[in-house]
Amino acid sequence: MERKIHKIDAEGRILGRLATEVAGLLRGKGKVSFVPNLDQGDFVEVSNADKIKVTGNKLDAKKYYRYSGQPGGISEESLRSKMAKDPTWVIKNAVSHMIPSNRLRPNMIKRLKFVK
């Protein structure tokens, strides 16, 4: 099996649409030999991750939650602050949630690279 390298420029692209395209390439859904139980996807290199667009009021309205397990230990962070800290995390998280959560997911996510 031969894996290709797809280079995607994220500048001006909408987050969800970009993540959908990347998830399909990582799974190998565009290939003729696609079967859901095998990992036959390609490598994906995303550049300009800090220049993605988000529509509507999502920069302030979308929240990411973490829970420490302690009472009162829930913390939230907006998309705007996550983008300021690490824009690659936002794309990686969106792509990860678009891939089935099974044993193949970690290997698919490893093939997602970010280039400056």
PDB file of N, CA and C in Angstrom:
ATOM      1  N   MET A   1       0.843  -1.180   0.000  1.00  0.00           N
ATOM      2  CA  MET A   1       0.000   0.000   0.000  1.00  0.00           C
ATOM      3  C   MET A   1       0.885   1.239   0.000  1.00  0.00           C
ATOM      4  N   GLU A   2       0.576   2.145  -0.880  1.00  0.00           N
ATOM      5  CA  GLU A   2       1.355   3.366  -1.011  1.00  0.00           C
ATOM      6  C   GLU A   2       0.561   4.535  -0.439  1.00  0.00           C
ATOM      7  N   ARG A   3       1.176   5.274   0.480  1.00  0.00           N
ATOM      8  CA  ARG A   3       0.523   6.424   1.097  1.00  0.00           C
ATOM      9  C   ARG A   3       1.056   7.699   0.457  1.00  0.00           C
ATOM     10  N   LYS A   4       0.151   8.536  -0.003  1.00  0.00           N
ATOM     11  CA  LYS A   4       0.537   9.809  -0.597  1.00  0.00           C
ATOM     12  C   LYS A   4       0.624  10.873   0.498  1.00  0.00           C
ATOM     13  N   ILE A   5       1.226  11.989   0.156  1.00  0.00           N
ATOM     14  CA  ILE A   5       1.286  13.128   1.064  1.00  0.00           C
ATOM     15  C   ILE A   5       0.453  14.249   0.448  1.00  0.00           C
ATOM     16  N   HIS A   6      -0.592  14.673   1.165  1.00  0.00           N
ATOM     17  CA  HIS A   6      -1.449  15.766   0.713  1.00  0.00           C
ATOM     18  C   HIS A   6      -1.066  17.016   1.482  1.00  0.00           C
ATOM     19  N   LYS A   7      -0.813  18.101   0.766  1.00  0.00           N
ATOM     20  CA  LYS A   7      -0.470  19.373   1.399  1.00  0.00           C
ATOM     21  C   LYS A   7      -1.672  20.296   1.261  1.00  0.00           C
ATOM     22  N   ILE A   8      -2.173  20.766   2.413  1.00  0.00           N
ATOM     23  CA  ILE A   8      -3.363  21.611   2.428  1.00  0.00           C
ATOM     24  C   ILE A   8      -3.013  22.940   3.059  1.00  0.00           C
ATOM     25  N   ASP A   9      -3.388  24.020   2.378  1.00  0.00           N
ATOM     26  CA  ASP A   9      -3.193  25.355   2.921  1.00  0.00           C
ATOM     27  C   ASP A   9      -4.489  25.778   3.604  1.00  0.00           C
ATOM     28  N   ALA A  10      -4.420  26.054   4.901  1.00  0.00           N
ATOM     29  CA  ALA A  10      -5.617  26.351   5.684  1.00  0.00           C
ATOM     30  C   ALA A  10      -5.973  27.830   5.678  1.00  0.00           C
ATOM     31  N   GLU A  11      -5.228  28.644   4.986  1.00  0.00           N
ATOM     32  CA  GLU A  11      -5.478  30.081   5.004  1.00  0.00           C
ATOM     33  C   GLU A  11      -6.825  30.402   4.364  1.00  0.00           C
ATOM     34  N   GLY A  12      -7.703  31.045   5.132  1.00  0.00           N
ATOM     35  CA  GLY A  12      -9.011  31.424   4.641  1.00  0.00           C
ATOM     36  C   GLY A  12     -10.027  30.304   4.593  1.00  0.00           C
ATOM     37  N   ARG A  13      -9.676  29.103   5.015  1.00  0.00           N
ATOM     38  CA  ARG A  13     -10.595  27.960   5.000  1.00  0.00           C
ATOM     39  C   ARG A  13     -11.422  27.951   6.276  1.00  0.00           C
ATOM     40  N   ILE A  14     -12.647  27.454   6.189  1.00  0.00           N
ATOM     41  CA  ILE A  14     -13.517  27.337   7.351  1.00  0.00           C
ATOM     42  C   ILE A  14     -13.147  26.072   8.111  1.00  0.00           C
ATOM     43  N   LEU A  15     -13.123  26.169   9.446  1.00  0.00           N
ATOM     44  CA  LEU A  15     -12.621  25.093  10.306  1.00  0.00           C
ATOM     45  C   LEU A  15     -13.298  23.760  10.042  1.00  0.00           C
ATOM     46  N   GLY A  16     -14.613  23.714  10.053  1.00  0.00           N
ATOM     47  CA  GLY A  16     -15.330  22.448   9.909  1.00  0.00           C
ATOM     48  C   GLY A  16     -15.139  21.809   8.546  1.00  0.00           C
ATOM     49  N   ARG A  17     -15.145  22.629   7.520  1.00  0.00           N
ATOM     50  CA  ARG A  17     -14.982  22.092   6.163  1.00  0.00           C
ATOM     51  C   ARG A  17     -13.562  21.575   5.937  1.00  0.00           C
ATOM     52  N   LEU A  18     -12.604  22.273   6.520  1.00  0.00           N
ATOM     53  CA  LEU A  18     -11.219  21.814   6.440  1.00  0.00           C
ATOM     54  C   LEU A  18     -11.056  20.486   7.177  1.00  0.00           C
ATOM     55  N   ALA A  19     -11.635  20.402   8.379  1.00  0.00           N
ATOM     56  CA  ALA A  19     -11.517  19.185   9.180  1.00  0.00           C
ATOM     57  C   ALA A  19     -12.184  17.998   8.494  1.00  0.00           C
ATOM     58  N   THR A  20     -13.294  18.233   7.810  1.00  0.00           N
ATOM     59  CA  THR A  20     -13.971  17.156   7.088  1.00  0.00           C
ATOM     60  C   THR A  20     -13.102  16.622   5.965  1.00  0.00           C
ATOM     61  N   GLU A  21     -12.476  17.520   5.231  1.00  0.00           N
ATOM     62  CA  GLU A  21     -11.610  17.106   4.122  1.00  0.00           C
ATOM     63  C   GLU A  21     -10.403  16.323   4.641  1.00  0.00           C
ATOM     64  N   VAL A  22      -9.784  16.821   5.714  1.00  0.00           N
ATOM     65  CA  VAL A  22      -8.611  16.156   6.280  1.00  0.00           C
ATOM     66  C   VAL A  22      -8.983  14.783   6.823  1.00  0.00           C
ATOM     67  N   ALA A  23     -10.126  14.672   7.493  1.00  0.00           N
ATOM     68  CA  ALA A  23     -10.550  13.387   8.057  1.00  0.00           C
ATOM     69  C   ALA A  23     -10.782  12.353   6.954  1.00  0.00           C
ATOM     70  N   GLY A  24     -11.354  12.775   5.853  1.00  0.00           N
ATOM     71  CA  GLY A  24     -11.560  11.854   4.730  1.00  0.00           C
ATOM     72  C   GLY A  24     -10.256  11.367   4.133  1.00  0.00           C
ATOM     73  N   LEU A  25      -9.273  12.263   4.035  1.00  0.00           N
ATOM     74  CA  LEU A  25      -7.967  11.858   3.497  1.00  0.00           C
ATOM     75  C   LEU A  25      -7.242  10.922   4.455  1.00  0.00           C
ATOM     76  N   LEU A  26      -7.348  11.185   5.759  1.00  0.00           N
ATOM     77  CA  LEU A  26      -6.680  10.324   6.744  1.00  0.00           C
ATOM     78  C   LEU A  26      -7.283   8.925   6.770  1.00  0.00           C
ATOM     79  N   ARG A  27      -8.579   8.831   6.536  1.00  0.00           N
ATOM     80  CA  ARG A  27      -9.243   7.522   6.518  1.00  0.00           C
ATOM     81  C   ARG A  27      -9.035   6.798   5.201  1.00  0.00           C
ATOM     82  N   GLY A  28      -8.800   7.537   4.122  1.00  0.00           N
ATOM     83  CA  GLY A  28      -8.634   6.914   2.812  1.00  0.00           C
ATOM     84  C   GLY A  28      -9.956   6.700   2.114  1.00  0.00           C
ATOM     85  N   LYS A  29     -10.944   7.532   2.402  1.00  0.00           N
ATOM     86  CA  LYS A  29     -12.283   7.333   1.850  1.00  0.00           C
ATOM     87  C   LYS A  29     -12.348   7.594   0.353  1.00  0.00           C
ATOM     88  N   GLY A  30     -11.390   8.326  -0.197  1.00  0.00           N
ATOM     89  CA  GLY A  30     -11.405   8.600  -1.629  1.00  0.00           C
ATOM     90  C   GLY A  30     -10.780   7.503  -2.463  1.00  0.00           C
ATOM     91  N   LYS A  31     -10.248   6.491  -1.822  1.00  0.00           N
ATOM     92  CA  LYS A  31      -9.574   5.421  -2.559  1.00  0.00           C
ATOM     93  C   LYS A  31     -10.563   4.345  -2.984  1.00  0.00           C
ATOM     94  N   VAL A  32     -10.250   3.684  -4.073  1.00  0.00           N
ATOM     95  CA  VAL A  32     -11.105   2.619  -4.578  1.00  0.00           C
ATOM     96  C   VAL A  32     -11.077   1.421  -3.640  1.00  0.00           C
ATOM     97  N   SER A  33      -9.947   1.218  -2.990  1.00  0.00           N
ATOM     98  CA  SER A  33      -9.782   0.044  -2.122  1.00  0.00           C
ATOM     99  C   SER A  33     -10.222   0.309  -0.683  1.00  0.00           C
ATOM    100  N   PHE A  34     -11.034   1.347  -0.426  1.00  0.00           N
ATOM    101  CA  PHE A  34     -11.436   1.694   0.943  1.00  0.00           C
ATOM    102  C   PHE A  34     -12.306   0.613   1.555  1.00  0.00           C
ATOM    103  N   VAL A  35     -11.908   0.174   2.735  1.00  0.00           N
ATOM    104  CA  VAL A  35     -12.749  -0.662   3.591  1.00  0.00           C
ATOM    105  C   VAL A  35     -12.665  -0.072   4.996  1.00  0.00           C
ATOM    106  N   PRO A  36     -13.787  -0.024   5.732  1.00  0.00           N
ATOM    107  CA  PRO A  36     -13.788   0.681   7.008  1.00  0.00           C
ATOM    108  C   PRO A  36     -12.930   0.047   8.100  1.00  0.00           C
ATOM    109  N   ASN A  37     -12.600  -1.223   7.970  1.00  0.00           N
ATOM    110  CA  ASN A  37     -11.853  -1.880   9.048  1.00  0.00           C
ATOM    111  C   ASN A  37     -10.345  -1.887   8.825  1.00  0.00           C
ATOM    112  N   LEU A  38      -9.850  -1.240   7.762  1.00  0.00           N
ATOM    113  CA  LEU A  38      -8.417  -1.166   7.513  1.00  0.00           C
ATOM    114  C   LEU A  38      -7.983   0.299   7.447  1.00  0.00           C
ATOM    115  N   ASP A  39      -6.764   0.537   7.868  1.00  0.00           N
ATOM    116  CA  ASP A  39      -6.217   1.883   7.851  1.00  0.00           C
ATOM    117  C   ASP A  39      -5.417   2.060   6.567  1.00  0.00           C
ATOM    118  N   GLN A  40      -6.022   2.677   5.559  1.00  0.00           N
ATOM    119  CA  GLN A  40      -5.379   2.840   4.258  1.00  0.00           C
ATOM    120  C   GLN A  40      -5.262   4.304   3.866  1.00  0.00           C
ATOM    121  N   GLY A  41      -5.336   5.204   4.832  1.00  0.00           N
ATOM    122  CA  GLY A  41      -5.320   6.636   4.545  1.00  0.00           C
ATOM    123  C   GLY A  41      -3.946   7.160   4.202  1.00  0.00           C
ATOM    124  N   ASP A  42      -3.914   8.419   3.837  1.00  0.00           N
ATOM    125  CA  ASP A  42      -2.693   9.089   3.413  1.00  0.00           C
ATOM    126  C   ASP A  42      -2.192  10.040   4.496  1.00  0.00           C
ATOM    127  N   PHE A  43      -1.009  10.585   4.260  1.00  0.00           N
ATOM    128  CA  PHE A  43      -0.454  11.620   5.131  1.00  0.00           C
ATOM    129  C   PHE A  43      -1.055  12.961   4.729  1.00  0.00           C
ATOM    130  N   VAL A  44      -1.270  13.832   5.707  1.00  0.00           N
ATOM    131  CA  VAL A  44      -1.808  15.163   5.431  1.00  0.00           C
ATOM    132  C   VAL A  44      -0.941  16.182   6.155  1.00  0.00           C
ATOM    133  N   GLU A  45      -0.459  17.173   5.407  1.00  0.00           N
ATOM    134  CA  GLU A  45       0.310  18.274   5.987  1.00  0.00           C
ATOM    135  C   GLU A  45      -0.514  19.545   5.850  1.00  0.00           C
ATOM    136  N   VAL A  46      -0.804  20.187   6.982  1.00  0.00           N
ATOM    137  CA  VAL A  46      -1.605  21.404   6.989  1.00  0.00           C
ATOM    138  C   VAL A  46      -0.687  22.580   7.288  1.00  0.00           C
ATOM    139  N   SER A  47      -0.760  23.599   6.452  1.00  0.00           N
ATOM    140  CA  SER A  47       0.032  24.805   6.681  1.00  0.00           C
ATOM    141  C   SER A  47      -0.908  25.975   6.970  1.00  0.00           C
ATOM    142  N   ASN A  48      -0.373  27.014   7.586  1.00  0.00           N
ATOM    143  CA  ASN A  48      -1.118  28.222   7.952  1.00  0.00           C
ATOM    144  C   ASN A  48      -2.324  27.904   8.838  1.00  0.00           C
ATOM    145  N   ALA A  49      -2.118  27.104   9.849  1.00  0.00           N
ATOM    146  CA  ALA A  49      -3.211  26.716  10.738  1.00  0.00           C
ATOM    147  C   ALA A  49      -3.748  27.898  11.529  1.00  0.00           C
ATOM    148  N   ASP A  50      -2.936  28.917  11.713  1.00  0.00           N
ATOM    149  CA  ASP A  50      -3.387  30.070  12.499  1.00  0.00           C
ATOM    150  C   ASP A  50      -4.262  31.028  11.686  1.00  0.00           C
ATOM    151  N   LYS A  51      -4.450  30.759  10.394  1.00  0.00           N
ATOM    152  CA  LYS A  51      -5.226  31.654   9.548  1.00  0.00           C
ATOM    153  C   LYS A  51      -6.555  31.058   9.111  1.00  0.00           C
ATOM    154  N   ILE A  52      -7.077  30.082   9.861  1.00  0.00           N
ATOM    155  CA  ILE A  52      -8.377  29.516   9.518  1.00  0.00           C
ATOM    156  C   ILE A  52      -9.479  30.486   9.899  1.00  0.00           C
ATOM    157  N   LYS A  53     -10.634  30.319   9.266  1.00  0.00           N
ATOM    158  CA  LYS A  53     -11.783  31.165   9.556  1.00  0.00           C
ATOM    159  C   LYS A  53     -12.820  30.355  10.317  1.00  0.00           C
ATOM    160  N   VAL A  54     -13.604  31.067  11.126  1.00  0.00           N
ATOM    161  CA  VAL A  54     -14.717  30.471  11.835  1.00  0.00           C
ATOM    162  C   VAL A  54     -15.916  31.374  11.584  1.00  0.00           C
ATOM    163  N   THR A  55     -17.047  30.791  11.212  1.00  0.00           N
ATOM    164  CA  THR A  55     -18.212  31.585  10.868  1.00  0.00           C
ATOM    165  C   THR A  55     -19.048  31.900  12.098  1.00  0.00           C
ATOM    166  N   GLY A  56     -19.859  32.921  11.978  1.00  0.00           N
ATOM    167  CA  GLY A  56     -20.796  33.270  13.044  1.00  0.00           C
ATOM    168  C   GLY A  56     -20.084  33.787  14.287  1.00  0.00           C
ATOM    169  N   ASN A  57     -20.666  33.515  15.433  1.00  0.00           N
ATOM    170  CA  ASN A  57     -20.160  33.989  16.720  1.00  0.00           C
ATOM    171  C   ASN A  57     -19.388  32.894  17.450  1.00  0.00           C
ATOM    172  N   LYS A  58     -18.875  31.907  16.701  1.00  0.00           N
ATOM    173  CA  LYS A  58     -18.268  30.746  17.335  1.00  0.00           C
ATOM    174  C   LYS A  58     -16.996  31.064  18.115  1.00  0.00           C
ATOM    175  N   LEU A  59     -16.279  32.102  17.736  1.00  0.00           N
ATOM    176  CA  LEU A  59     -15.041  32.423  18.453  1.00  0.00           C
ATOM    177  C   LEU A  59     -15.298  32.671  19.931  1.00  0.00           C
ATOM    178  N   ASP A  60     -16.419  33.267  20.264  1.00  0.00           N
ATOM    179  CA  ASP A  60     -16.731  33.537  21.660  1.00  0.00           C
ATOM    180  C   ASP A  60     -17.739  32.548  22.232  1.00  0.00           C
ATOM    181  N   ALA A  61     -18.640  32.015  21.401  1.00  0.00           N
ATOM    182  CA  ALA A  61     -19.710  31.156  21.902  1.00  0.00           C
ATOM    183  C   ALA A  61     -19.273  29.707  22.088  1.00  0.00           C
ATOM    184  N   LYS A  62     -18.352  29.217  21.263  1.00  0.00           N
ATOM    185  CA  LYS A  62     -17.922  27.813  21.367  1.00  0.00           C
ATOM    186  C   LYS A  62     -16.994  27.652  22.543  1.00  0.00           C
ATOM    187  N   LYS A  63     -17.284  26.677  23.389  1.00  0.00           N
ATOM    188  CA  LYS A  63     -16.498  26.434  24.603  1.00  0.00           C
ATOM    189  C   LYS A  63     -15.936  25.016  24.574  1.00  0.00           C
ATOM    190  N   TYR A  64     -14.738  24.890  25.086  1.00  0.00           N
ATOM    191  CA  TYR A  64     -14.115  23.585  25.293  1.00  0.00           C
ATOM    192  C   TYR A  64     -14.034  23.357  26.798  1.00  0.00           C
ATOM    193  N   TYR A  65     -14.504  22.195  27.245  1.00  0.00           N
ATOM    194  CA  TYR A  65     -14.582  21.911  28.672  1.00  0.00           C
ATOM    195  C   TYR A  65     -13.581  20.837  29.066  1.00  0.00           C
ATOM    196  N   ARG A  66     -13.049  20.987  30.286  1.00  0.00           N
ATOM    197  CA  ARG A  66     -12.212  19.956  30.906  1.00  0.00           C
ATOM    198  C   ARG A  66     -12.767  19.708  32.292  1.00  0.00           C
ATOM    199  N   TYR A  67     -12.679  18.475  32.746  1.00  0.00           N
ATOM    200  CA  TYR A  67     -13.161  18.139  34.082  1.00  0.00           C
ATOM    201  C   TYR A  67     -12.077  17.356  34.799  1.00  0.00           C
ATOM    202  N   SER A  68     -11.676  17.857  35.966  1.00  0.00           N
ATOM    203  CA  SER A  68     -10.573  17.245  36.700  1.00  0.00           C
ATOM    204  C   SER A  68     -11.009  16.026  37.502  1.00  0.00           C
ATOM    205  N   GLY A  69     -12.304  15.861  37.698  1.00  0.00           N
ATOM    206  CA  GLY A  69     -12.802  14.753  38.501  1.00  0.00           C
ATOM    207  C   GLY A  69     -13.132  15.179  39.916  1.00  0.00           C
ATOM    208  N   GLN A  70     -12.720  16.347  40.299  1.00  0.00           N
ATOM    209  CA  GLN A  70     -13.000  16.878  41.635  1.00  0.00           C
ATOM    210  C   GLN A  70     -14.304  17.676  41.594  1.00  0.00           C
ATOM    211  N   PRO A  71     -14.999  17.785  42.729  1.00  0.00           N
ATOM    212  CA  PRO A  71     -16.197  18.630  42.772  1.00  0.00           C
ATOM    213  C   PRO A  71     -15.828  20.082  42.443  1.00  0.00           C
ATOM    214  N   GLY A  72     -16.549  20.663  41.529  1.00  0.00           N
ATOM    215  CA  GLY A  72     -16.269  22.028  41.105  1.00  0.00           C
ATOM    216  C   GLY A  72     -15.045  22.126  40.214  1.00  0.00           C
ATOM    217  N   GLY A  73     -14.586  21.019  39.679  1.00  0.00           N
ATOM    218  CA  GLY A  73     -13.350  21.003  38.907  1.00  0.00           C
ATOM    219  C   GLY A  73     -13.548  21.117  37.418  1.00  0.00           C
ATOM    220  N   ILE A  74     -14.656  21.711  36.978  1.00  0.00           N
ATOM    221  CA  ILE A  74     -14.857  21.884  35.541  1.00  0.00           C
ATOM    222  C   ILE A  74     -14.305  23.244  35.133  1.00  0.00           C
ATOM    223  N   SER A  75     -13.611  23.265  34.022  1.00  0.00           N
ATOM    224  CA  SER A  75     -13.083  24.531  33.521  1.00  0.00           C
ATOM    225  C   SER A  75     -13.431  24.636  32.048  1.00  0.00           C
ATOM    226  N   GLU A  76     -13.668  25.826  31.602  1.00  0.00           N
ATOM    227  CA  GLU A  76     -14.035  26.054  30.215  1.00  0.00           C
ATOM    228  C   GLU A  76     -13.113  27.083  29.596  1.00  0.00           C
ATOM    229  N   GLU A  77     -12.976  26.957  28.275  1.00  0.00           N
ATOM    230  CA  GLU A  77     -12.118  27.869  27.537  1.00  0.00           C
ATOM    231  C   GLU A  77     -12.784  28.129  26.193  1.00  0.00           C
ATOM    232  N   SER A  78     -12.771  29.360  25.751  1.00  0.00           N
ATOM    233  CA  SER A  78     -13.418  29.701  24.484  1.00  0.00           C
ATOM    234  C   SER A  78     -12.507  29.342  23.313  1.00  0.00           C
ATOM    235  N   LEU A  79     -13.130  29.286  22.139  1.00  0.00           N
ATOM    236  CA  LEU A  79     -12.376  28.992  20.919  1.00  0.00           C
ATOM    237  C   LEU A  79     -11.352  30.084  20.644  1.00  0.00           C
ATOM    238  N   ARG A  80     -11.679  31.330  20.959  1.00  0.00           N
ATOM    239  CA  ARG A  80     -10.756  32.430  20.729  1.00  0.00           C
ATOM    240  C   ARG A  80      -9.465  32.257  21.529  1.00  0.00           C
ATOM    241  N   SER A  81      -9.570  31.860  22.807  1.00  0.00           N
ATOM    242  CA  SER A  81      -8.369  31.691  23.622  1.00  0.00           C
ATOM    243  C   SER A  81      -7.576  30.450  23.216  1.00  0.00           C
ATOM    244  N   LYS A  82      -8.284  29.392  22.784  1.00  0.00           N
ATOM    245  CA  LYS A  82      -7.584  28.200  22.290  1.00  0.00           C
ATOM    246  C   LYS A  82      -6.815  28.522  21.013  1.00  0.00           C
ATOM    247  N   MET A  83      -7.420  29.323  20.132  1.00  0.00           N
ATOM    248  CA  MET A  83      -6.747  29.703  18.889  1.00  0.00           C
ATOM    249  C   MET A  83      -5.525  30.567  19.177  1.00  0.00           C
ATOM    250  N   ALA A  84      -5.616  31.409  20.197  1.00  0.00           N
ATOM    251  CA  ALA A  84      -4.475  32.258  20.539  1.00  0.00           C
ATOM    252  C   ALA A  84      -3.326  31.420  21.085  1.00  0.00           C
ATOM    253  N   LYS A  85      -3.635  30.387  21.861  1.00  0.00           N
ATOM    254  CA  LYS A  85      -2.589  29.540  22.444  1.00  0.00           C
ATOM    255  C   LYS A  85      -1.989  28.594  21.407  1.00  0.00           C
ATOM    256  N   ASP A  86      -2.857  27.776  20.781  1.00  0.00           N
ATOM    257  CA  ASP A  86      -2.368  26.747  19.872  1.00  0.00           C
ATOM    258  C   ASP A  86      -3.419  26.454  18.800  1.00  0.00           C
ATOM    259  N   PRO A  87      -3.334  27.087  17.632  1.00  0.00           N
ATOM    260  CA  PRO A  87      -4.337  26.845  16.591  1.00  0.00           C
ATOM    261  C   PRO A  87      -4.285  25.428  16.023  1.00  0.00           C
ATOM    262  N   THR A  88      -3.148  24.759  16.139  1.00  0.00           N
ATOM    263  CA  THR A  88      -3.084  23.394  15.623  1.00  0.00           C
ATOM    264  C   THR A  88      -3.934  22.452  16.463  1.00  0.00           C
ATOM    265  N   TRP A  89      -4.054  22.729  17.773  1.00  0.00           N
ATOM    266  CA  TRP A  89      -4.870  21.887  18.641  1.00  0.00           C
ATOM    267  C   TRP A  89      -6.322  21.928  18.210  1.00  0.00           C
ATOM    268  N   VAL A  90      -6.801  23.085  17.789  1.00  0.00           N
ATOM    269  CA  VAL A  90      -8.201  23.238  17.393  1.00  0.00           C
ATOM    270  C   VAL A  90      -8.492  22.371  16.168  1.00  0.00           C
ATOM    271  N   ILE A  91      -7.616  22.397  15.186  1.00  0.00           N
ATOM    272  CA  ILE A  91      -7.813  21.598  13.975  1.00  0.00           C
ATOM    273  C   ILE A  91      -7.689  20.118  14.294  1.00  0.00           C
ATOM    274  N   LYS A  92      -6.686  19.763  15.077  1.00  0.00           N
ATOM    275  CA  LYS A  92      -6.476  18.359  15.426  1.00  0.00           C
ATOM    276  C   LYS A  92      -7.663  17.803  16.208  1.00  0.00           C
ATOM    277  N   ASN A  93      -8.228  18.600  17.103  1.00  0.00           N
ATOM    278  CA  ASN A  93      -9.384  18.170  17.880  1.00  0.00           C
ATOM    279  C   ASN A  93     -10.601  17.978  16.990  1.00  0.00           C
ATOM    280  N   ALA A  94     -10.819  18.894  16.052  1.00  0.00           N
ATOM    281  CA  ALA A  94     -11.958  18.782  15.140  1.00  0.00           C
ATOM    282  C   ALA A  94     -11.826  17.546  14.252  1.00  0.00           C
ATOM    283  N   VAL A  95     -10.627  17.301  13.740  1.00  0.00           N
ATOM    284  CA  VAL A  95     -10.397  16.134  12.882  1.00  0.00           C
ATOM    285  C   VAL A  95     -10.553  14.848  13.687  1.00  0.00           C
ATOM    286  N   SER A  96     -10.035  14.840  14.895  1.00  0.00           N
ATOM    287  CA  SER A  96     -10.095  13.647  15.739  1.00  0.00           C
ATOM    288  C   SER A  96     -11.528  13.245  16.047  1.00  0.00           C
ATOM    289  N   HIS A  97     -12.397  14.222  16.222  1.00  0.00           N
ATOM    290  CA  HIS A  97     -13.793  13.907  16.512  1.00  0.00           C
ATOM    291  C   HIS A  97     -14.578  13.532  15.261  1.00  0.00           C
ATOM    292  N   MET A  98     -13.991  13.691  14.079  1.00  0.00           N
ATOM    293  CA  MET A  98     -14.654  13.277  12.843  1.00  0.00           C
ATOM    294  C   MET A  98     -14.205  11.893  12.387  1.00  0.00           C
ATOM    295  N   ILE A  99     -13.249  11.302  13.089  1.00  0.00           N
ATOM    296  CA  ILE A  99     -12.760   9.966  12.773  1.00  0.00           C
ATOM    297  C   ILE A  99     -13.387   8.995  13.776  1.00  0.00           C
ATOM    298  N   PRO A 100     -13.759   7.791  13.356  1.00  0.00           N
ATOM    299  CA  PRO A 100     -14.371   6.851  14.296  1.00  0.00           C
ATOM    300  C   PRO A 100     -13.454   6.557  15.478  1.00  0.00           C
ATOM    301  N   SER A 101     -14.045   6.450  16.650  1.00  0.00           N
ATOM    302  CA  SER A 101     -13.240   6.188  17.856  1.00  0.00           C
ATOM    303  C   SER A 101     -13.072   4.683  18.018  1.00  0.00           C
ATOM    304  N   ASN A 102     -12.045   4.170  17.385  1.00  0.00           N
ATOM    305  CA  ASN A 102     -11.708   2.755  17.477  1.00  0.00           C
ATOM    306  C   ASN A 102     -10.188   2.611  17.504  1.00  0.00           C
ATOM    307  N   ARG A 103      -9.683   1.429  17.336  1.00  0.00           N
ATOM    308  CA  ARG A 103      -8.237   1.199  17.435  1.00  0.00           C
ATOM    309  C   ARG A 103      -7.443   1.860  16.309  1.00  0.00           C
ATOM    310  N   LEU A 104      -8.088   2.230  15.235  1.00  0.00           N
ATOM    311  CA  LEU A 104      -7.388   2.823  14.106  1.00  0.00           C
ATOM    312  C   LEU A 104      -7.164   4.319  14.279  1.00  0.00           C
ATOM    313  N   ARG A 105      -7.929   4.961  15.169  1.00  0.00           N
ATOM    314  CA  ARG A 105      -7.860   6.421  15.303  1.00  0.00           C
ATOM    315  C   ARG A 105      -6.466   6.941  15.657  1.00  0.00           C
ATOM    316  N   PRO A 106      -5.763   6.393  16.650  1.00  0.00           N
ATOM    317  CA  PRO A 106      -4.444   6.951  16.980  1.00  0.00           C
ATOM    318  C   PRO A 106      -3.455   6.935  15.820  1.00  0.00           C
ATOM    319  N   ASN A 107      -3.478   5.890  15.022  1.00  0.00           N
ATOM    320  CA  ASN A 107      -2.566   5.819  13.881  1.00  0.00           C
ATOM    321  C   ASN A 107      -2.954   6.812  12.795  1.00  0.00           C
ATOM    322  N   MET A 108      -4.247   7.064  12.641  1.00  0.00           N
ATOM    323  CA  MET A 108      -4.680   8.049  11.646  1.00  0.00           C
ATOM    324  C   MET A 108      -4.257   9.451  12.071  1.00  0.00           C
ATOM    325  N   ILE A 109      -4.437   9.771  13.333  1.00  0.00           N
ATOM    326  CA  ILE A 109      -4.099  11.103  13.824  1.00  0.00           C
ATOM    327  C   ILE A 109      -2.592  11.344  13.754  1.00  0.00           C
ATOM    328  N   LYS A 110      -1.794  10.292  13.893  1.00  0.00           N
ATOM    329  CA  LYS A 110      -0.337  10.444  13.801  1.00  0.00           C
ATOM    330  C   LYS A 110       0.104  10.885  12.414  1.00  0.00           C
ATOM    331  N   ARG A 111      -0.710  10.611  11.408  1.00  0.00           N
ATOM    332  CA  ARG A 111      -0.354  10.997  10.039  1.00  0.00           C
ATOM    333  C   ARG A 111      -0.744  12.432   9.718  1.00  0.00           C
ATOM    334  N   LEU A 112      -1.338  13.135  10.671  1.00  0.00           N
ATOM    335  CA  LEU A 112      -1.677  14.542  10.490  1.00  0.00           C
ATOM    336  C   LEU A 112      -0.518  15.399  11.002  1.00  0.00           C
ATOM    337  N   LYS A 113       0.090  16.152  10.106  1.00  0.00           N
ATOM    338  CA  LYS A 113       1.244  16.990  10.465  1.00  0.00           C
ATOM    339  C   LYS A 113       0.920  18.457  10.205  1.00  0.00           C
ATOM    340  N   PHE A 114       1.555  19.316  10.969  1.00  0.00           N
ATOM    341  CA  PHE A 114       1.373  20.747  10.795  1.00  0.00           C
ATOM    342  C   PHE A 114       2.706  21.375  10.426  1.00  0.00           C
ATOM    343  N   VAL A 115       2.684  22.185   9.371  1.00  0.00           N
ATOM    344  CA  VAL A 115       3.889  22.825   8.843  1.00  0.00           C
ATOM    345  C   VAL A 115       3.730  24.334   9.031  1.00  0.00           C
ATOM    346  N   LYS A 116       4.800  24.982   9.377  1.00  0.00           N
ATOM    347  CA  LYS A 116       4.747  26.448   9.554  1.00  0.00           C
ATOM    348  C   LYS A 116       4.640  27.154   8.234  1.00  0.00           C
TER     349      LYS A 116
END
